[in-house]
N, C-alpha and C. Protein backbone atom coordinates (compact mmCIF):
# COMPACT_ATOMS: atom_id res chain seq x y z
N MET A 1 106.62 156.30 18.74
CA MET A 1 106.19 156.55 19.51
C MET A 1 104.58 156.06 18.95
N LEU A 2 103.68 155.28 19.30
CA LEU A 2 102.65 154.97 19.60
C LEU A 2 101.30 155.98 19.55
N LYS A 3 100.49 155.66 18.82
CA LYS A 3 99.43 156.96 18.90
C LYS A 3 98.63 156.72 20.07
N VAL A 4 97.55 157.45 20.52
CA VAL A 4 96.84 157.14 21.19
C VAL A 4 95.50 155.96 21.13
N GLN A 5 95.37 156.05 19.74
CA GLN A 5 94.40 154.69 19.55
C GLN A 5 95.21 154.03 19.08
N GLU A 6 96.39 153.50 18.91
CA GLU A 6 96.74 151.59 19.30
C GLU A 6 97.14 151.57 20.56
N ILE A 7 97.34 152.79 21.42
CA ILE A 7 97.26 152.74 23.21
C ILE A 7 95.90 151.97 23.55
N ARG A 8 94.96 152.94 23.14
CA ARG A 8 93.93 152.66 23.42
C ARG A 8 93.27 150.87 23.57
N GLU A 9 94.15 150.33 21.89
CA GLU A 9 93.53 149.03 21.14
C GLU A 9 93.78 147.93 22.04
N LEU A 10 95.53 148.73 22.32
CA LEU A 10 96.20 147.90 23.59
C LEU A 10 95.63 147.39 25.02
N ILE A 11 94.75 148.28 25.41
CA ILE A 11 94.65 148.29 26.53
C ILE A 11 93.20 147.21 26.41
N LYS A 12 92.64 147.98 25.62
CA LYS A 12 91.27 146.60 25.03
C LYS A 12 91.90 145.44 24.81
N LEU A 13 92.08 144.96 23.69
CA LEU A 13 93.33 143.38 23.40
C LEU A 13 93.36 143.34 25.22
N VAL A 14 94.41 143.70 26.26
CA VAL A 14 94.78 143.71 26.84
C VAL A 14 93.27 142.82 28.33
N ASP A 15 92.81 144.13 28.32
CA ASP A 15 91.46 143.78 28.90
C ASP A 15 90.64 142.53 28.55
N GLN A 16 90.74 142.56 27.63
CA GLN A 16 89.80 140.87 27.22
C GLN A 16 90.77 139.83 27.10
N SER A 17 91.91 140.13 27.30
CA SER A 17 91.90 138.29 27.49
C SER A 17 92.54 138.20 28.37
N SER A 18 92.82 136.62 29.08
CA SER A 18 93.50 136.08 29.87
C SER A 18 95.09 136.54 30.64
N ILE A 19 95.67 137.14 30.10
CA ILE A 19 96.50 138.01 30.77
C ILE A 19 96.47 138.69 31.19
N SER A 20 97.71 138.75 32.44
CA SER A 20 96.96 139.98 33.94
C SER A 20 97.83 140.91 33.78
N GLU A 21 99.26 140.53 32.90
CA GLU A 21 100.76 141.97 32.97
C GLU A 21 101.29 141.83 31.33
N PHE A 22 101.12 143.02 30.93
CA PHE A 22 102.09 143.35 29.60
C PHE A 22 102.51 144.25 29.55
N THR A 23 103.68 143.83 28.74
CA THR A 23 104.82 145.25 29.00
C THR A 23 105.11 145.48 27.76
N TYR A 24 105.64 146.94 26.63
CA TYR A 24 105.49 146.72 25.76
C TYR A 24 106.74 148.25 25.84
N GLU A 25 107.98 147.90 25.32
CA GLU A 25 108.91 148.72 24.89
C GLU A 25 109.41 148.76 22.78
N ALA A 26 109.47 150.36 22.72
CA ALA A 26 110.12 150.35 21.54
C ALA A 26 110.35 152.14 21.69
N GLU A 27 112.26 152.04 21.23
CA GLU A 27 112.91 153.16 20.96
C GLU A 27 112.31 154.86 22.11
N GLY A 28 112.78 153.88 23.08
CA GLY A 28 112.74 154.33 24.49
C GLY A 28 111.36 155.17 25.36
N THR A 29 110.57 153.85 24.77
CA THR A 29 109.35 154.14 25.06
C THR A 29 108.53 152.92 25.87
N LYS A 30 108.22 152.81 26.70
CA LYS A 30 108.07 151.90 27.28
C LYS A 30 106.30 151.92 28.43
N ILE A 31 105.17 150.75 27.69
CA ILE A 31 104.17 150.85 28.30
C ILE A 31 103.99 149.46 29.12
N GLU A 32 103.79 149.76 30.44
CA GLU A 32 103.29 148.53 31.84
C GLU A 32 101.80 148.53 32.04
N MET A 33 101.15 147.52 31.68
CA MET A 33 99.58 147.22 31.99
C MET A 33 99.37 145.75 32.87
N LYS A 34 98.60 146.37 34.10
CA LYS A 34 98.00 145.28 34.90
C LYS A 34 97.02 145.31 35.55
N LYS A 35 96.66 144.36 35.05
CA LYS A 35 94.71 143.89 35.60
C LYS A 35 94.55 143.87 37.28
N PRO A 36 93.65 144.87 37.73
CA PRO A 36 93.50 145.18 38.90
C PRO A 36 93.37 143.55 39.26
N GLY A 37 93.92 142.69 40.58
CA GLY A 37 93.12 141.68 41.00
C GLY A 37 94.13 140.59 41.07
N SER A 38 95.52 141.30 39.81
CA SER A 38 96.36 140.54 39.38
C SER A 38 97.08 139.83 41.10
N VAL A 39 98.12 139.09 41.36
CA VAL A 39 99.08 138.43 42.12
C VAL A 39 100.34 139.60 42.53
N GLN A 40 100.29 140.32 43.45
CA GLN A 40 101.19 141.63 43.62
C GLN A 40 102.06 140.43 44.51
N PRO A 41 103.69 140.98 44.43
CA PRO A 41 104.77 140.17 45.44
C PRO A 41 104.13 140.24 46.92
N VAL A 42 104.36 139.74 47.87
CA VAL A 42 104.12 139.92 49.65
C VAL A 42 105.13 140.73 50.12
N SER A 43 105.10 141.98 50.99
CA SER A 43 106.65 142.40 51.47
C SER A 43 107.09 141.28 52.40
N PRO A 44 108.09 142.09 52.41
CA PRO A 44 108.78 141.44 53.26
C PRO A 44 108.51 141.62 54.79
N ALA A 45 107.63 142.70 55.14
CA ALA A 45 107.21 143.25 56.19
C ALA A 45 106.35 142.37 56.83
N TYR A 46 105.92 141.70 56.40
CA TYR A 46 104.52 140.45 56.41
C TYR A 46 105.23 139.62 57.22
N GLN A 47 105.22 138.50 58.35
CA GLN A 47 105.47 136.91 58.75
C GLN A 47 104.60 136.13 59.16
N ALA A 48 104.77 134.97 58.74
CA ALA A 48 103.93 134.09 58.90
C ALA A 48 104.05 133.90 60.53
N VAL A 49 102.85 133.21 60.61
CA VAL A 49 102.59 132.91 61.61
C VAL A 49 102.08 131.26 62.15
N PRO A 50 102.73 130.93 63.02
CA PRO A 50 102.95 129.98 63.40
C PRO A 50 101.76 128.77 63.77
N VAL A 51 101.13 127.51 62.88
CA VAL A 51 100.14 127.53 63.09
C VAL A 51 99.99 125.90 64.18
N GLN A 52 99.07 126.09 65.10
CA GLN A 52 98.96 125.38 65.68
C GLN A 52 98.23 123.99 65.26
N ALA A 53 98.64 122.40 65.32
CA ALA A 53 97.86 121.21 65.21
C ALA A 53 96.87 121.23 66.12
N VAL A 54 95.63 120.64 65.16
CA VAL A 54 95.07 120.70 66.46
C VAL A 54 94.57 118.98 66.63
N GLN A 55 93.89 118.06 66.75
CA GLN A 55 93.79 116.34 67.04
C GLN A 55 92.08 116.71 66.56
N THR A 56 91.91 116.22 65.54
CA THR A 56 90.00 116.61 65.13
C THR A 56 90.34 114.38 65.35
N GLU A 57 88.88 113.98 65.04
CA GLU A 57 88.40 112.44 65.23
C GLU A 57 87.69 112.36 63.98
N ALA A 58 88.53 110.93 63.15
CA ALA A 58 87.79 110.60 61.81
C ALA A 58 86.63 110.52 62.12
N VAL A 59 85.85 110.62 60.96
CA VAL A 59 84.41 109.93 60.97
C VAL A 59 83.90 109.35 60.15
N PRO A 60 84.14 108.41 59.42
CA PRO A 60 83.55 107.85 58.42
C PRO A 60 82.46 108.04 57.58
N ALA A 61 82.73 108.20 56.17
CA ALA A 61 81.46 108.95 55.35
C ALA A 61 80.93 107.74 55.40
N PRO A 62 79.39 108.46 54.73
CA PRO A 62 77.54 107.13 55.08
C PRO A 62 78.40 106.22 53.49
N VAL A 63 77.67 104.92 53.66
CA VAL A 63 78.19 104.39 52.56
C VAL A 63 76.80 104.23 51.18
N GLN A 64 77.05 104.88 50.42
CA GLN A 64 75.32 104.42 49.85
C GLN A 64 75.48 104.36 48.38
N PRO A 65 75.64 103.05 48.44
CA PRO A 65 76.45 101.87 47.56
C PRO A 65 75.16 101.42 45.83
N GLN A 66 74.09 102.27 46.06
CA GLN A 66 72.82 102.38 45.43
C GLN A 66 73.72 103.25 44.29
N ALA A 67 73.95 104.57 44.60
CA ALA A 67 74.12 105.51 43.77
C ALA A 67 75.77 105.63 43.40
N ALA A 68 76.91 104.58 43.54
CA ALA A 68 78.06 103.91 42.95
C ALA A 68 77.88 103.40 42.03
N ALA A 69 76.68 102.26 42.32
CA ALA A 69 76.22 101.02 41.15
C ALA A 69 75.88 101.86 40.03
N ILE A 70 75.06 102.47 39.52
CA ILE A 70 74.29 103.84 38.93
C ILE A 70 75.90 105.03 38.22
N GLU A 71 76.28 105.40 39.46
CA GLU A 71 77.76 105.74 38.41
C GLU A 71 78.62 105.35 37.61
N ALA A 72 79.42 103.72 38.31
CA ALA A 72 80.43 103.59 37.41
C ALA A 72 79.71 103.60 36.33
N PRO A 73 78.51 102.41 35.47
CA PRO A 73 78.40 102.70 33.97
C PRO A 73 78.67 103.45 33.79
N VAL A 74 77.59 104.92 34.12
CA VAL A 74 77.84 106.31 33.29
C VAL A 74 79.21 107.14 32.96
N ALA A 75 80.20 106.92 34.28
CA ALA A 75 81.23 106.92 34.01
C ALA A 75 82.10 106.08 32.97
N ALA A 76 81.73 105.24 32.72
CA ALA A 76 82.59 103.97 31.94
C ALA A 76 81.78 104.74 30.27
N ALA A 77 80.70 104.85 30.18
CA ALA A 77 79.90 105.44 28.90
C ALA A 77 80.84 106.49 28.51
N ASN A 78 81.12 108.26 29.75
CA ASN A 78 81.58 109.19 29.74
C ASN A 78 83.03 108.65 29.36
N ALA A 79 84.22 107.86 29.69
CA ALA A 79 85.36 107.66 29.27
C ALA A 79 85.31 107.35 28.13
N ALA A 80 84.19 106.23 27.44
CA ALA A 80 84.59 105.65 26.73
C ALA A 80 84.40 107.01 25.17
N GLU A 81 83.44 107.80 25.31
CA GLU A 81 83.15 108.96 24.29
C GLU A 81 84.09 109.93 24.10
N ALA A 82 84.74 109.91 25.41
CA ALA A 82 85.98 110.77 25.87
C ALA A 82 87.18 110.75 24.53
N ALA A 83 87.39 109.44 25.05
CA ALA A 83 87.83 107.99 24.53
C ALA A 83 87.75 108.09 22.76
N LYS A 84 86.72 108.35 22.52
CA LYS A 84 86.21 107.94 20.60
C LYS A 84 86.29 109.51 20.27
N THR A 85 86.22 110.46 21.05
CA THR A 85 86.42 111.50 20.49
C THR A 85 88.13 112.10 20.40
N GLU A 86 88.58 111.70 21.41
CA GLU A 86 89.66 111.74 21.26
C GLU A 86 90.66 110.99 20.34
N LYS A 87 90.38 110.30 19.60
CA LYS A 87 91.07 109.42 18.93
C LYS A 87 90.30 109.86 17.10
N ALA A 88 89.45 110.55 16.91
CA ALA A 88 88.87 111.52 15.85
C ALA A 88 89.47 112.65 15.87
N GLU A 89 89.72 112.63 17.19
CA GLU A 89 90.93 114.03 16.61
C GLU A 89 91.94 114.22 16.42
N GLU A 90 92.79 112.81 16.89
CA GLU A 90 93.90 112.55 16.56
C GLU A 90 94.33 112.68 15.14
N ASN A 91 93.80 112.55 14.46
CA ASN A 91 93.54 112.86 13.10
C ASN A 91 93.30 113.88 11.91
N LEU A 92 93.24 114.96 12.94
CA LEU A 92 92.65 116.76 12.48
C LEU A 92 93.93 117.22 12.98
N HIS A 93 93.89 118.29 12.16
CA HIS A 93 94.83 119.43 12.26
C HIS A 93 94.62 120.30 12.22
N LYS A 94 95.28 121.52 13.67
CA LYS A 94 94.85 122.08 14.27
C LYS A 94 95.31 123.79 13.56
N ILE A 95 94.49 124.36 12.51
CA ILE A 95 94.87 125.92 12.18
C ILE A 95 94.50 126.81 13.89
N VAL A 96 95.73 127.22 14.02
CA VAL A 96 95.41 128.10 15.29
C VAL A 96 96.68 129.37 14.89
N SER A 97 95.58 130.53 16.25
CA SER A 97 96.07 131.96 15.73
C SER A 97 97.96 132.06 16.30
N PRO A 98 98.16 132.80 14.61
CA PRO A 98 99.39 133.27 15.32
C PRO A 98 99.58 134.55 16.48
N MET A 99 98.80 135.08 16.80
CA MET A 99 98.41 136.36 17.37
C MET A 99 96.94 136.18 17.76
N VAL A 100 97.40 137.57 19.43
CA VAL A 100 96.36 138.09 19.69
C VAL A 100 95.66 138.74 19.37
N GLY A 101 93.89 138.68 19.29
CA GLY A 101 93.26 139.34 18.14
C GLY A 101 92.37 139.08 18.45
N THR A 102 91.52 139.54 16.99
CA THR A 102 89.54 139.64 16.87
C THR A 102 89.67 138.59 16.08
N PHE A 103 88.84 137.78 15.72
CA PHE A 103 88.46 136.57 14.69
C PHE A 103 87.68 137.08 13.64
N TYR A 104 87.82 136.51 12.74
CA TYR A 104 86.85 137.27 11.07
C TYR A 104 86.71 136.17 9.96
N GLN A 105 85.83 135.56 10.15
CA GLN A 105 85.43 134.92 9.49
C GLN A 105 85.63 135.45 7.98
N SER A 106 84.53 136.46 7.72
CA SER A 106 84.89 137.10 6.25
C SER A 106 85.86 138.40 5.83
N SER A 107 85.54 138.93 4.88
CA SER A 107 86.28 139.80 4.68
C SER A 107 86.09 141.65 4.91
N THR A 108 83.97 141.29 5.21
CA THR A 108 83.87 142.13 5.60
C THR A 108 82.59 142.32 6.45
N PRO A 109 82.10 142.68 7.04
CA PRO A 109 81.11 142.61 7.62
C PRO A 109 80.01 142.13 7.16
N GLY A 110 79.69 141.17 7.72
CA GLY A 110 77.72 140.44 6.87
C GLY A 110 78.65 140.07 5.05
N GLY A 111 80.03 140.18 5.38
CA GLY A 111 80.65 138.76 3.73
C GLY A 111 80.13 137.60 4.39
N ASP A 112 80.47 136.71 2.93
CA ASP A 112 80.56 135.53 2.79
C ASP A 112 81.73 135.05 3.71
N ALA A 113 81.65 133.57 4.52
CA ALA A 113 82.86 133.72 5.09
C ALA A 113 83.80 132.42 4.48
N TYR A 114 84.94 133.57 3.97
CA TYR A 114 85.97 132.33 3.84
C TYR A 114 85.79 130.85 3.40
N VAL A 115 85.52 130.22 4.66
CA VAL A 115 85.15 129.07 4.69
C VAL A 115 84.27 128.06 5.77
N GLN A 116 83.55 127.60 5.22
CA GLN A 116 82.63 126.81 5.99
C GLN A 116 82.80 125.44 6.93
N VAL A 117 81.93 124.97 7.92
CA VAL A 117 82.51 123.30 7.36
C VAL A 117 82.15 122.09 6.58
N GLY A 118 83.07 121.67 5.97
CA GLY A 118 82.83 120.81 4.31
C GLY A 118 83.60 121.81 3.70
N SER A 119 84.35 122.46 3.87
CA SER A 119 84.76 123.83 2.71
C SER A 119 85.86 122.99 2.62
N LYS A 120 86.63 122.65 1.18
CA LYS A 120 88.18 122.12 0.90
C LYS A 120 88.89 123.42 0.46
N VAL A 121 89.95 122.68 1.70
CA VAL A 121 91.29 123.57 1.42
C VAL A 121 92.46 123.23 1.38
N ASN A 122 93.64 124.36 0.35
CA ASN A 122 94.77 123.38 0.33
C ASN A 122 95.66 124.38 1.30
N LYS A 123 96.97 124.42 0.97
CA LYS A 123 97.96 125.44 2.21
C LYS A 123 97.87 126.57 1.31
N GLU A 124 97.59 127.14 1.17
CA GLU A 124 97.47 128.64 1.01
C GLU A 124 96.03 128.85 0.54
N SER A 125 95.24 128.31 0.93
CA SER A 125 93.34 128.79 1.39
C SER A 125 93.64 129.94 2.30
N VAL A 126 92.88 131.11 2.69
CA VAL A 126 92.62 131.93 3.59
C VAL A 126 91.14 131.34 3.82
N VAL A 127 91.92 131.24 5.84
CA VAL A 127 90.77 130.49 5.93
C VAL A 127 89.28 131.59 6.97
N CYS A 128 90.38 132.33 7.56
CA CYS A 128 90.24 133.74 8.02
C CYS A 128 90.72 135.26 8.64
N ILE A 129 90.45 136.13 9.35
CA ILE A 129 91.77 137.55 9.45
C ILE A 129 91.40 137.31 10.60
N VAL A 130 92.44 137.51 11.24
CA VAL A 130 93.07 138.03 12.87
C VAL A 130 93.74 139.44 12.86
N GLU A 131 92.37 139.85 13.38
CA GLU A 131 93.02 141.51 13.18
C GLU A 131 93.32 141.89 14.86
N ALA A 132 94.80 142.58 14.50
CA ALA A 132 94.91 143.43 15.69
C ALA A 132 96.04 143.96 15.57
N MET A 133 95.46 145.41 16.43
CA MET A 133 96.01 147.29 15.68
C MET A 133 95.55 147.00 14.55
N LYS A 134 94.28 147.56 14.60
CA LYS A 134 94.05 147.65 13.06
C LYS A 134 94.59 146.94 12.09
N LEU A 135 94.93 146.06 12.08
CA LEU A 135 96.10 145.50 11.43
C LEU A 135 95.40 144.02 10.85
N PHE A 136 94.44 143.61 9.35
CA PHE A 136 93.98 142.64 9.47
C PHE A 136 94.73 141.11 8.52
N ASN A 137 95.28 140.65 9.70
CA ASN A 137 95.82 139.27 8.99
C ASN A 137 95.26 138.22 8.59
N GLU A 138 95.75 138.39 7.22
CA GLU A 138 94.88 136.59 6.36
C GLU A 138 95.34 135.15 7.21
N ILE A 139 94.84 134.19 7.62
CA ILE A 139 95.31 133.28 8.47
C ILE A 139 95.16 131.86 6.80
N GLU A 140 96.22 131.32 6.62
CA GLU A 140 95.96 130.99 5.01
C GLU A 140 95.64 129.23 6.71
N ALA A 141 95.08 128.20 5.53
CA ALA A 141 94.64 126.83 5.79
C ALA A 141 95.81 125.75 6.80
N GLU A 142 97.48 126.33 6.03
CA GLU A 142 98.42 125.43 6.09
C GLU A 142 98.50 124.05 5.50
N VAL A 143 97.54 123.38 5.16
CA VAL A 143 97.67 121.85 4.96
C VAL A 143 96.42 121.88 4.47
N ASN A 144 96.43 120.88 2.94
CA ASN A 144 95.04 120.16 2.26
C ASN A 144 94.58 119.47 3.18
N GLY A 145 93.18 119.70 2.93
CA GLY A 145 91.79 118.95 3.44
C GLY A 145 90.48 119.87 3.71
N GLU A 146 89.75 119.04 4.41
CA GLU A 146 88.92 119.87 4.60
C GLU A 146 87.98 120.50 5.74
N ILE A 147 87.13 121.43 5.77
CA ILE A 147 87.62 122.12 7.08
C ILE A 147 85.64 120.89 8.10
N ALA A 148 86.71 120.51 8.80
CA ALA A 148 85.65 119.30 9.98
C ALA A 148 84.70 120.13 10.48
N GLU A 149 85.46 121.66 12.21
CA GLU A 149 85.03 122.35 12.73
C GLU A 149 85.57 123.22 12.90
N ILE A 150 84.74 124.22 13.17
CA ILE A 150 85.04 125.52 13.44
C ILE A 150 85.06 126.17 14.60
N LEU A 151 86.09 126.10 15.52
CA LEU A 151 85.91 126.48 17.26
C LEU A 151 85.81 127.63 17.52
N VAL A 152 85.86 128.94 16.38
CA VAL A 152 85.49 130.28 17.03
C VAL A 152 84.54 130.44 16.69
N LYS A 153 83.34 131.80 17.17
CA LYS A 153 83.05 132.71 16.76
C LYS A 153 83.23 134.09 15.70
N ASP A 154 82.42 134.27 15.46
CA ASP A 154 82.79 135.34 14.75
C ASP A 154 82.81 136.56 15.20
N GLY A 155 83.73 137.53 14.99
CA GLY A 155 84.17 138.51 16.30
C GLY A 155 85.04 138.61 17.69
N GLN A 156 85.09 137.13 17.88
CA GLN A 156 85.35 136.61 19.16
C GLN A 156 87.20 137.25 18.97
N LEU A 157 87.44 137.57 20.79
CA LEU A 157 89.01 137.64 20.55
C LEU A 157 89.52 136.30 20.94
N VAL A 158 90.77 136.12 19.70
CA VAL A 158 91.54 135.11 20.11
C VAL A 158 92.80 135.80 20.79
N GLU A 159 93.28 134.02 21.43
CA GLU A 159 94.79 134.41 22.25
C GLU A 159 95.63 133.46 21.43
N TYR A 160 97.25 133.67 21.48
CA TYR A 160 98.21 133.18 20.59
C TYR A 160 97.82 131.39 20.42
N GLY A 161 98.38 131.00 19.69
CA GLY A 161 98.27 129.81 19.75
C GLY A 161 96.89 128.87 19.75
N GLN A 162 95.92 129.84 20.37
CA GLN A 162 94.35 129.68 20.44
C GLN A 162 93.53 129.05 19.11
N PRO A 163 93.41 127.33 19.26
CA PRO A 163 92.93 126.68 17.65
C PRO A 163 91.44 127.64 17.76
N LEU A 164 91.92 127.70 15.97
CA LEU A 164 90.42 128.38 15.06
C LEU A 164 90.13 127.36 14.38
N PHE A 165 90.39 126.23 14.03
CA PHE A 165 90.00 125.42 13.35
C PHE A 165 90.26 123.83 12.93
N LEU A 166 89.16 122.83 13.20
CA LEU A 166 90.07 121.14 12.83
C LEU A 166 89.81 120.89 11.62
N VAL A 167 90.90 120.59 10.67
CA VAL A 167 91.04 120.82 9.15
C VAL A 167 91.54 118.77 8.86
N ARG A 168 90.54 118.16 8.03
CA ARG A 168 91.03 116.63 8.29
C ARG A 168 92.26 116.87 6.79
N PRO A 169 92.75 116.07 7.34
CA PRO A 169 93.94 116.69 5.93
C PRO A 169 93.53 115.08 4.76
N VAL A 170 93.82 115.38 3.61
CA VAL A 170 93.42 114.44 2.74
C VAL A 170 95.04 113.97 2.20
């Protein structure tokens, strides 16, 4: 049986996440949570109303050759920048969150972060903590390398599979 504090923590985590429904079953106990505004099945009592076709007249859009001439080089530059960034990220290893929880960079509030951009890590190096239901789970680097980027902020709620760090393997 879950304690009241654990149920409150579950409610808080579901509320702060992007999921709309959550179900938990254990030892004959079942908890279901649904966020307001989530899509509900349509009742079969409602029937579709046929829509009449309306004939409209096509109106050509105004041509603005000057704007198109300016936008084309900008779009090409943006595409080149995106390709360069994507190419650089291809060689980086993502450390992802193994669970939904709260991300912490250090073991104590106000303490030194486990890693920073540029820190050298090995497979067993602890890079952060993800707290879920009052359990503090140490997350390891899983790869030898150097921290290239920290993708989340201290105290931020993270989802399962969400990238936390980018590591440049060595």
